[in-house]
């Protein structure tokens, strides 16, 4: 993997962590269970990133 791809993975991990903390209130307020549409958004964004990485690998 190239440097740009690793950067994309790291950014996706950081955004997922930030969204999870914001959605559940982890560490700053009463914990709320994660909502279903948040799970769908997480799965969709990670599926898109994985699809991009596989597609780019197959092009070369």
N, C-alpha and C. Protein backbone atom coordinates (compact mmCIF):
# COMPACT_ATOMS: atom_id res chain seq x y z
N UNK A 1 0.84 -1.18 0.00
CA UNK A 1 0.00 0.00 0.00
C UNK A 1 0.88 1.23 0.00
N UNK A 2 0.40 2.23 -0.68
CA UNK A 2 1.15 3.47 -0.76
C UNK A 2 0.87 4.35 0.46
N UNK A 3 1.64 5.41 0.56
CA UNK A 3 1.48 6.32 1.68
C UNK A 3 0.09 6.96 1.69
N UNK A 4 -0.44 7.30 0.51
CA UNK A 4 -1.77 7.91 0.44
C UNK A 4 -2.86 6.95 0.92
N UNK A 5 -2.72 5.67 0.62
CA UNK A 5 -3.71 4.69 1.06
C UNK A 5 -3.67 4.52 2.57
N UNK A 6 -2.48 4.46 3.15
CA UNK A 6 -2.38 4.35 4.60
C UNK A 6 -2.95 5.59 5.27
N UNK A 7 -2.73 6.74 4.68
CA UNK A 7 -3.29 7.97 5.22
C UNK A 7 -4.82 7.92 5.18
N UNK A 8 -5.39 7.41 4.10
CA UNK A 8 -6.85 7.28 4.00
C UNK A 8 -7.39 6.34 5.06
N UNK A 9 -6.70 5.24 5.33
CA UNK A 9 -7.14 4.29 6.37
C UNK A 9 -7.07 4.94 7.75
N UNK A 10 -5.99 5.64 8.03
CA UNK A 10 -5.84 6.30 9.33
C UNK A 10 -6.91 7.36 9.53
N UNK A 11 -7.18 8.14 8.50
CA UNK A 11 -8.22 9.17 8.60
C UNK A 11 -9.58 8.52 8.82
N UNK A 12 -9.85 7.42 8.15
CA UNK A 12 -11.14 6.73 8.33
C UNK A 12 -11.27 6.19 9.76
N UNK A 13 -10.18 5.67 10.31
CA UNK A 13 -10.21 5.19 11.70
C UNK A 13 -10.47 6.35 12.66
N UNK A 14 -9.80 7.46 12.46
CA UNK A 14 -9.99 8.62 13.34
C UNK A 14 -11.41 9.18 13.24
N UNK A 15 -11.94 9.26 12.03
CA UNK A 15 -13.31 9.76 11.87
C UNK A 15 -14.32 8.79 12.47
N UNK A 16 -14.07 7.49 12.34
CA UNK A 16 -14.97 6.50 12.95
C UNK A 16 -14.95 6.63 14.47
N UNK A 17 -13.76 6.79 15.05
CA UNK A 17 -13.66 6.95 16.50
C UNK A 17 -14.35 8.22 16.97
N UNK A 18 -14.15 9.32 16.24
CA UNK A 18 -14.79 10.57 16.62
C UNK A 18 -16.31 10.47 16.51
N UNK A 19 -16.80 9.84 15.46
CA UNK A 19 -18.25 9.70 15.29
C UNK A 19 -18.83 8.78 16.36
N UNK A 20 -18.11 7.73 16.73
CA UNK A 20 -18.59 6.83 17.77
C UNK A 20 -18.67 7.54 19.12
N UNK A 21 -17.63 8.28 19.44
CA UNK A 21 -17.63 9.02 20.71
C UNK A 21 -18.73 10.07 20.71
N UNK A 22 -18.91 10.77 19.60
CA UNK A 22 -19.96 11.77 19.53
C UNK A 22 -21.35 11.18 19.58
N UNK A 23 -21.53 10.01 19.00
CA UNK A 23 -22.85 9.39 18.96
C UNK A 23 -23.24 8.79 20.31
N UNK A 24 -22.27 8.23 21.01
CA UNK A 24 -22.59 7.54 22.26
C UNK A 24 -22.39 8.41 23.50
N UNK A 25 -21.68 9.53 23.37
CA UNK A 25 -21.39 10.36 24.52
C UNK A 25 -20.30 9.77 25.39
N UNK A 26 -19.52 8.88 24.85
CA UNK A 26 -18.46 8.22 25.58
C UNK A 26 -17.45 9.23 26.10
N UNK A 27 -17.09 9.13 27.34
CA UNK A 27 -16.10 9.95 28.04
C UNK A 27 -16.57 11.35 28.43
N UNK A 28 -17.73 11.81 27.98
CA UNK A 28 -18.08 13.19 28.35
C UNK A 28 -19.51 13.35 28.85
N UNK A 29 -20.35 12.36 28.74
CA UNK A 29 -21.71 12.45 29.26
C UNK A 29 -22.23 11.04 29.50
N UNK A 30 -23.46 10.93 29.87
CA UNK A 30 -24.05 9.62 30.09
C UNK A 30 -24.02 8.81 28.81
N UNK A 31 -23.54 7.59 28.91
CA UNK A 31 -23.39 6.74 27.73
C UNK A 31 -24.75 6.42 27.12
N UNK A 32 -24.86 6.59 25.81
CA UNK A 32 -26.07 6.24 25.07
C UNK A 32 -25.72 5.10 24.12
N UNK A 33 -26.60 4.13 23.96
CA UNK A 33 -26.31 3.07 23.00
C UNK A 33 -26.20 3.63 21.58
N UNK A 34 -25.38 3.02 20.78
CA UNK A 34 -25.19 3.50 19.42
C UNK A 34 -26.46 3.22 18.61
N UNK A 35 -26.79 4.14 17.74
CA UNK A 35 -28.02 4.04 16.96
C UNK A 35 -27.78 3.23 15.69
N UNK A 36 -28.85 2.62 15.18
CA UNK A 36 -28.73 1.76 14.01
C UNK A 36 -28.24 2.51 12.78
N UNK A 37 -28.71 3.73 12.57
CA UNK A 37 -28.26 4.45 11.37
C UNK A 37 -26.80 4.85 11.48
N UNK A 38 -26.27 4.98 12.69
CA UNK A 38 -24.84 5.20 12.84
C UNK A 38 -24.06 3.96 12.42
N UNK A 39 -24.56 2.80 12.79
CA UNK A 39 -23.90 1.55 12.38
C UNK A 39 -23.92 1.39 10.87
N UNK A 40 -25.02 1.75 10.24
CA UNK A 40 -25.11 1.68 8.77
C UNK A 40 -24.12 2.65 8.14
N UNK A 41 -23.99 3.84 8.69
CA UNK A 41 -23.04 4.82 8.16
C UNK A 41 -21.60 4.33 8.32
N UNK A 42 -21.28 3.75 9.47
CA UNK A 42 -19.94 3.21 9.67
C UNK A 42 -19.66 2.10 8.66
N UNK A 43 -20.60 1.18 8.52
CA UNK A 43 -20.41 0.05 7.59
C UNK A 43 -20.30 0.55 6.16
N UNK A 44 -21.11 1.53 5.79
CA UNK A 44 -21.06 2.06 4.42
C UNK A 44 -19.74 2.75 4.12
N UNK A 45 -19.24 3.53 5.05
CA UNK A 45 -17.99 4.24 4.80
C UNK A 45 -16.81 3.27 4.74
N UNK A 46 -16.79 2.27 5.61
CA UNK A 46 -15.71 1.29 5.55
C UNK A 46 -15.81 0.41 4.31
N UNK A 47 -17.03 0.05 3.92
CA UNK A 47 -17.19 -0.74 2.69
C UNK A 47 -16.72 0.06 1.48
N UNK A 48 -17.00 1.35 1.45
CA UNK A 48 -16.54 2.19 0.36
C UNK A 48 -15.02 2.28 0.31
N UNK A 49 -14.39 2.42 1.46
CA UNK A 49 -12.93 2.48 1.50
C UNK A 49 -12.32 1.15 1.05
N UNK A 50 -12.87 0.05 1.52
CA UNK A 50 -12.35 -1.26 1.12
C UNK A 50 -12.56 -1.48 -0.37
N UNK A 51 -13.72 -1.08 -0.90
CA UNK A 51 -13.96 -1.21 -2.34
C UNK A 51 -12.95 -0.39 -3.13
N UNK A 52 -12.67 0.82 -2.67
CA UNK A 52 -11.69 1.67 -3.34
C UNK A 52 -10.31 1.01 -3.35
N UNK A 53 -9.90 0.46 -2.21
CA UNK A 53 -8.58 -0.16 -2.14
C UNK A 53 -8.49 -1.40 -3.03
N UNK A 54 -9.54 -2.21 -3.07
CA UNK A 54 -9.54 -3.40 -3.93
C UNK A 54 -9.57 -3.01 -5.39
N UNK A 55 -10.40 -2.04 -5.75
CA UNK A 55 -10.52 -1.60 -7.13
C UNK A 55 -9.19 -1.03 -7.62
N UNK A 56 -8.54 -0.25 -6.78
CA UNK A 56 -7.26 0.35 -7.17
C UNK A 56 -6.19 -0.72 -7.33
N UNK A 57 -6.24 -1.75 -6.51
CA UNK A 57 -5.25 -2.82 -6.62
C UNK A 57 -5.44 -3.61 -7.91
N UNK A 58 -6.71 -3.83 -8.31
CA UNK A 58 -6.99 -4.60 -9.52
C UNK A 58 -6.67 -3.82 -10.79
N UNK A 59 -6.65 -2.51 -10.74
CA UNK A 59 -6.37 -1.69 -11.93
C UNK A 59 -4.90 -1.83 -12.32
N UNK A 60 -4.02 -1.93 -11.34
CA UNK A 60 -2.58 -2.03 -11.62
C UNK A 60 -2.28 -3.38 -12.14
